Amino acid sequence: MKVIVAGYSKTGTTSLAAALSELGYNVYDFLDHFWYHGDKWAKILSSSGGSIEDFKEMYESVDAVTDCPPNLIWEELLQVFPDTKIILTTREEDDWYKSYSKHNEVLRKNFTHKIMQILSPTGWKFFKFCRNNVMCRSGLHMRHPFYLSYHSNAILLKRGFRQHTKYCQQNCPPDKLLVYNVHQGWAPLCEFLGKEIPDKPFPRENIGGNVSDKLMATHPAFIRIQREAAITSVLLCLTLCLVTYKCHKFHPRALLLDKLRSLFQRWFC
């Protein structure tokens, strides 16, 4: 591993992942951590915990990691890969909180995304992966994909963001650390990594939390989730049709109406 991006989500990590890919790095972002190492992260983020050997096996052939969960354990990864450079993406904390809240609001309103997590085994694993990350970062617990309590304590979240930023600045070896805002563009990033500046604009991804739609169409994790959800939907429809047929065959319509009328009279008359 060559680069660990230790900044919080919503500090330009998706744009930076695209920039690192442009510079020739093999980058694992949030969905990649789930897709390739979801089972291992489930163990690491649970009470079972992980080990140095787990991290070495997971990321030995990866050039760079961004977003959760690696940004939460950058110190442990640095122990495993001592020559790695750390990029701490930063942002003004009020702007970060607004972006974080807007992203959660977009997810909260995405009914299709939620129902797919219910109907797909892979989707349910993805939900638990997200839940574990949210729990570790902010202490919130989402019981199911339709759990709507995304509205969290702004003061505590900002404090956690601030503490994470300060801790990285104070504890990362200065010669390995770049404190970076993606609005600075290519120059400080390429100087830090020893790369030539590409002859193209710096990437801007996930503007307004819109990256989910793009990933749902392109990432293998979401493609599998959509396929599994479609299969489950068809099976549920067939089951419902069979049950309806059986009820109609063995309980004629008149008999069903009589039963419904009797129940109505018992409850409301």
Protein backbone atom coordinates (compact mmCIF):
# COMPACT_ATOMS: atom_id res chain seq x y z
CA MET A 1 0.00 0.00 0.00
CA LYS A 2 1.21 3.47 -0.91
CA VAL A 3 -1.52 5.89 0.19
CA ILE A 4 -4.06 5.97 3.04
CA VAL A 5 -6.70 8.70 2.85
CA ALA A 6 -7.55 9.31 6.50
CA GLY A 7 -10.15 12.05 6.03
CA TYR A 8 -13.79 11.63 6.98
CA SER A 9 -16.45 10.89 4.37
CA LYS A 10 -17.82 14.05 2.73
CA THR A 11 -14.41 15.74 2.67
CA GLY A 12 -13.88 15.10 -1.03
CA THR A 13 -12.80 11.47 -0.67
CA THR A 14 -14.71 10.33 -3.78
CA SER A 15 -13.08 13.05 -5.88
CA LEU A 16 -9.69 12.17 -4.42
CA ALA A 17 -10.24 8.48 -5.20
CA ALA A 18 -10.87 9.44 -8.84
CA ALA A 19 -7.76 11.65 -8.82
CA LEU A 20 -5.59 8.86 -7.40
CA SER A 21 -6.92 6.48 -10.05
CA GLU A 22 -5.99 9.05 -12.69
CA LEU A 23 -2.46 9.10 -11.26
CA GLY A 24 -2.20 5.33 -11.76
CA TYR A 25 -3.05 4.01 -8.31
CA ASN A 26 -5.22 0.95 -7.71
CA VAL A 27 -7.76 2.52 -5.34
CA TYR A 28 -10.28 0.87 -3.02
CA ASP A 29 -13.12 3.22 -2.07
CA PHE A 30 -16.11 2.63 0.23
CA LEU A 31 -18.00 0.14 -1.97
CA ASP A 32 -14.80 -1.73 -2.80
CA HIS A 33 -14.10 -2.34 0.88
CA PHE A 34 -17.52 -3.98 1.10
CA TRP A 35 -17.34 -5.84 -2.20
CA TYR A 36 -13.89 -7.37 -1.74
CA HIS A 37 -13.55 -7.53 2.05
CA GLY A 38 -17.05 -7.23 3.47
CA ASP A 39 -16.88 -10.43 5.52
CA LYS A 40 -13.52 -9.51 7.02
CA TRP A 41 -14.71 -6.01 7.89
CA ALA A 42 -17.81 -7.50 9.50
CA LYS A 43 -15.49 -9.39 11.84
CA ILE A 44 -13.11 -6.47 12.40
CA LEU A 45 -15.88 -4.02 13.27
CA SER A 46 -17.65 -6.48 15.56
CA SER A 47 -16.64 -7.61 19.02
CA SER A 48 -14.38 -10.25 17.42
CA GLY A 49 -11.98 -7.56 16.17
CA GLY A 50 -9.18 -7.99 13.66
CA SER A 51 -5.45 -8.45 13.52
CA ILE A 52 -2.45 -7.02 11.73
CA GLU A 53 -2.37 -10.10 9.54
CA ASP A 54 -5.94 -9.43 8.41
CA PHE A 55 -5.02 -5.96 7.17
CA LYS A 56 -1.91 -7.24 5.42
CA GLU A 57 -3.87 -9.92 3.59
CA MET A 58 -6.66 -7.52 2.63
CA TYR A 59 -4.59 -4.62 1.27
CA GLU A 60 -1.15 -5.90 0.37
CA SER A 61 -1.91 -5.67 -3.36
CA VAL A 62 -3.86 -2.38 -3.12
CA ASP A 63 -2.15 0.97 -3.79
CA ALA A 64 -4.54 3.34 -2.01
CA VAL A 65 -7.57 3.26 0.27
CA THR A 66 -10.16 5.97 0.85
CA ASP A 67 -13.26 6.47 2.99
CA CYS A 68 -14.65 4.13 5.65
CA PRO A 69 -13.60 1.93 7.32
CA PRO A 70 -9.82 2.35 6.63
CA ASN A 71 -9.90 6.06 7.48
CA LEU A 72 -10.93 5.11 11.04
CA ILE A 73 -7.95 2.78 11.55
CA TRP A 74 -5.22 4.56 9.61
CA GLU A 75 -2.74 4.03 12.46
CA GLU A 76 -3.12 0.25 12.37
CA LEU A 77 -2.73 0.25 8.59
CA LEU A 78 0.39 2.39 8.93
CA GLN A 79 1.86 -0.22 11.28
CA VAL A 80 1.31 -2.88 8.63
CA PHE A 81 2.54 -0.70 5.75
CA PRO A 82 5.12 1.67 7.34
CA ASP A 83 6.16 3.26 4.02
CA THR A 84 2.63 4.43 3.29
CA LYS A 85 1.82 8.13 2.94
CA ILE A 86 -1.19 9.64 4.72
CA ILE A 87 -3.52 12.18 3.10
CA LEU A 88 -5.86 13.89 5.53
CA THR A 89 -8.67 15.46 3.55
CA THR A 90 -10.16 18.45 5.36
CA ARG A 91 -13.14 20.76 5.11
CA GLU A 92 -14.68 23.53 7.17
CA GLU A 93 -16.72 21.64 9.77
CA ASP A 94 -20.03 23.46 9.21
CA ASP A 95 -19.80 22.79 5.47
CA TRP A 96 -18.91 19.18 6.22
CA TYR A 97 -21.93 18.74 8.47
CA LYS A 98 -24.28 20.26 5.89
CA SER A 99 -22.92 17.92 3.23
CA TYR A 100 -23.11 14.94 5.58
CA SER A 101 -26.73 15.76 6.48
CA LYS A 102 -27.70 16.28 2.83
CA HIS A 103 -26.15 12.94 1.88
CA ASN A 104 -28.15 11.17 4.60
CA GLU A 105 -31.31 12.94 3.46
CA VAL A 106 -30.77 11.71 -0.12
CA LEU A 107 -30.37 8.15 1.17
CA ARG A 108 -33.38 8.49 3.45
CA LYS A 109 -35.61 9.38 0.50
CA ASN A 110 -34.24 6.66 -1.79
CA PHE A 111 -36.98 4.04 -1.41
CA THR A 112 -35.58 1.84 -4.20
CA HIS A 113 -32.21 1.62 -2.46
CA LYS A 114 -33.87 0.59 0.82
CA ILE A 115 -36.19 -2.02 -0.65
CA MET A 116 -33.30 -3.60 -2.56
CA GLN A 117 -31.43 -4.07 0.72
CA ILE A 118 -34.46 -5.92 2.09
CA LEU A 119 -34.97 -8.14 -0.97
CA SER A 120 -31.32 -8.99 -1.68
CA PRO A 121 -29.00 -11.13 0.52
CA THR A 122 -26.05 -9.07 -0.70
CA GLY A 123 -28.04 -5.91 -0.07
CA TRP A 124 -28.69 -6.96 3.51
CA LYS A 125 -24.96 -7.56 4.00
CA PHE A 126 -24.31 -4.11 2.58
CA PHE A 127 -26.78 -2.57 5.02
CA LYS A 128 -25.02 -4.26 7.95
CA PHE A 129 -21.66 -3.06 6.60
CA CYS A 130 -22.99 0.53 6.49
CA ARG A 131 -24.55 0.13 9.93
CA ASN A 132 -21.26 -1.01 11.44
CA ASN A 133 -19.45 1.97 9.90
CA VAL A 134 -22.04 4.44 11.16
CA MET A 135 -21.90 2.88 14.63
CA CYS A 136 -18.10 3.12 14.79
CA ARG A 137 -17.99 6.69 13.48
CA SER A 138 -20.96 8.33 15.21
CA GLY A 139 -22.51 5.85 17.62
CA LEU A 140 -25.84 5.77 15.74
CA HIS A 141 -27.57 2.42 15.42
CA MET A 142 -29.77 1.67 12.39
CA ARG A 143 -31.92 -1.38 13.09
CA HIS A 144 -33.07 -1.83 9.50
CA PRO A 145 -32.85 -0.02 6.13
CA PHE A 146 -36.10 1.87 6.80
CA TYR A 147 -34.91 3.18 10.14
CA LEU A 148 -35.36 6.92 9.70
CA SER A 149 -33.38 8.36 12.62
CA TYR A 150 -30.65 9.89 10.48
CA HIS A 151 -31.08 13.18 12.34
CA SER A 152 -28.22 13.13 14.78
CA ASN A 153 -26.59 15.47 17.25
CA ALA A 154 -24.79 18.17 15.26
CA ILE A 155 -22.57 19.17 18.17
CA LEU A 156 -21.34 15.64 18.80
CA LEU A 157 -20.79 14.88 15.13
CA LYS A 158 -18.82 18.07 14.58
CA ARG A 159 -16.77 17.35 17.67
CA GLY A 160 -15.99 13.85 16.38
CA PHE A 161 -15.00 15.30 13.03
CA ARG A 162 -12.77 17.89 14.72
CA GLN A 163 -11.17 15.35 17.04
CA HIS A 164 -10.41 12.98 14.18
CA THR A 165 -8.77 15.76 12.19
CA LYS A 166 -6.68 17.01 15.12
CA TYR A 167 -5.67 13.50 16.16
CA CYS A 168 -4.34 12.71 12.67
CA GLN A 169 -2.40 15.97 12.54
CA GLN A 170 -0.85 15.40 15.95
CA ASN A 171 -0.01 11.70 15.65
CA CYS A 172 0.89 11.05 12.03
CA PRO A 173 4.63 11.43 11.27
CA PRO A 174 4.96 14.90 9.66
CA ASP A 175 7.06 13.62 6.76
CA LYS A 176 4.29 11.18 5.81
CA LEU A 177 1.31 13.54 6.14
CA LEU A 178 -0.41 15.83 3.65
CA VAL A 179 -3.27 17.92 5.03
CA TYR A 180 -5.26 18.52 1.89
CA ASN A 181 -8.41 20.18 0.59
CA VAL A 182 -9.55 18.90 -2.81
CA HIS A 183 -10.18 22.50 -3.91
CA GLN A 184 -6.39 22.88 -3.94
CA GLY A 185 -6.35 20.71 -7.05
CA TRP A 186 -3.47 18.73 -8.51
CA ALA A 187 -0.40 20.70 -7.45
CA PRO A 188 0.02 19.85 -3.73
CA LEU A 189 -1.21 16.30 -4.26
CA CYS A 190 1.19 15.53 -7.09
CA GLU A 191 4.10 17.20 -5.30
CA PHE A 192 3.45 15.08 -2.20
CA LEU A 193 3.20 11.84 -4.21
CA GLY A 194 6.02 12.64 -6.64
CA LYS A 195 3.74 12.53 -9.67
CA GLU A 196 3.45 14.74 -12.74
CA ILE A 197 0.38 16.95 -12.90
CA PRO A 198 -2.16 15.52 -15.40
CA ASP A 199 -3.23 17.69 -18.29
CA LYS A 200 -6.90 17.62 -17.29
CA PRO A 201 -9.16 19.19 -14.64
CA PHE A 202 -9.18 17.75 -11.14
CA PRO A 203 -12.14 15.34 -10.73
CA ARG A 204 -15.28 16.47 -8.96
CA GLU A 205 -17.40 13.53 -7.86
CA ASN A 206 -20.44 13.01 -5.61
CA ILE A 207 -21.61 16.61 -5.91
CA GLY A 208 -24.81 16.89 -3.86
CA GLY A 209 -24.64 13.22 -2.86
CA ASN A 210 -25.46 12.05 -6.40
CA VAL A 211 -22.85 9.29 -6.59
CA SER A 212 -25.31 6.56 -5.52
CA ASP A 213 -27.19 6.60 -8.85
CA LYS A 214 -23.94 6.29 -10.78
CA LEU A 215 -22.67 3.44 -8.62
CA MET A 216 -25.98 1.58 -8.84
CA ALA A 217 -25.52 1.46 -12.61
CA THR A 218 -21.83 0.54 -12.70
CA HIS A 219 -20.45 -1.08 -9.53
CA PRO A 220 -20.60 -4.92 -9.41
CA ALA A 221 -21.88 -4.85 -5.82
CA PHE A 222 -24.98 -2.84 -6.75
CA ILE A 223 -25.47 -4.80 -9.97
CA ARG A 224 -25.62 -8.01 -7.95
CA ILE A 225 -27.95 -6.42 -5.39
CA GLN A 226 -30.33 -5.32 -8.17
CA ARG A 227 -30.34 -8.77 -9.76
CA GLU A 228 -30.99 -10.53 -6.46
CA ALA A 229 -33.76 -8.06 -5.61
CA ALA A 230 -35.39 -8.66 -9.02
CA ILE A 231 -35.28 -12.45 -8.54
CA THR A 232 -36.72 -12.14 -5.03
CA SER A 233 -39.51 -9.87 -6.33
CA VAL A 234 -40.47 -12.40 -9.01
CA LEU A 235 -40.51 -15.24 -6.47
CA LEU A 236 -42.68 -13.20 -4.10
CA CYS A 237 -45.13 -12.40 -6.90
CA LEU A 238 -45.35 -16.05 -7.92
CA THR A 239 -45.90 -17.07 -4.31
CA LEU A 240 -48.64 -14.46 -3.91
CA CYS A 241 -50.34 -15.68 -7.10
CA LEU A 242 -50.20 -19.28 -5.88
CA VAL A 243 -51.63 -18.38 -2.48
CA THR A 244 -54.42 -16.36 -4.13
CA TYR A 245 -55.23 -19.27 -6.43
CA LYS A 246 -55.34 -21.74 -3.56
CA CYS A 247 -57.59 -19.47 -1.51
CA HIS A 248 -59.93 -18.98 -4.45
CA LYS A 249 -60.03 -22.70 -5.24
CA PHE A 250 -60.72 -23.98 -1.75
CA HIS A 251 -62.67 -20.96 -0.48
CA PRO A 252 -65.18 -19.79 -3.10
CA ARG A 253 -65.74 -16.09 -3.45
CA ALA A 254 -69.15 -16.17 -1.78
CA LEU A 255 -67.72 -17.98 1.22
CA LEU A 256 -64.89 -15.47 1.50
CA LEU A 257 -67.34 -12.57 1.30
CA ASP A 258 -69.47 -14.14 4.02
CA LYS A 259 -66.43 -14.50 6.25
CA LEU A 260 -65.36 -10.91 5.66
CA ARG A 261 -68.93 -9.68 6.33
CA SER A 262 -69.05 -11.68 9.53
CA LEU A 263 -65.72 -10.27 10.71
CA PHE A 264 -66.82 -6.74 9.87
CA GLN A 265 -70.01 -7.12 11.85
CA ARG A 266 -68.17 -8.60 14.80
CA TRP A 267 -65.59 -5.79 14.94
CA PHE A 268 -67.64 -2.72 14.02
CA CYS A 269 -71.32 -3.46 14.72
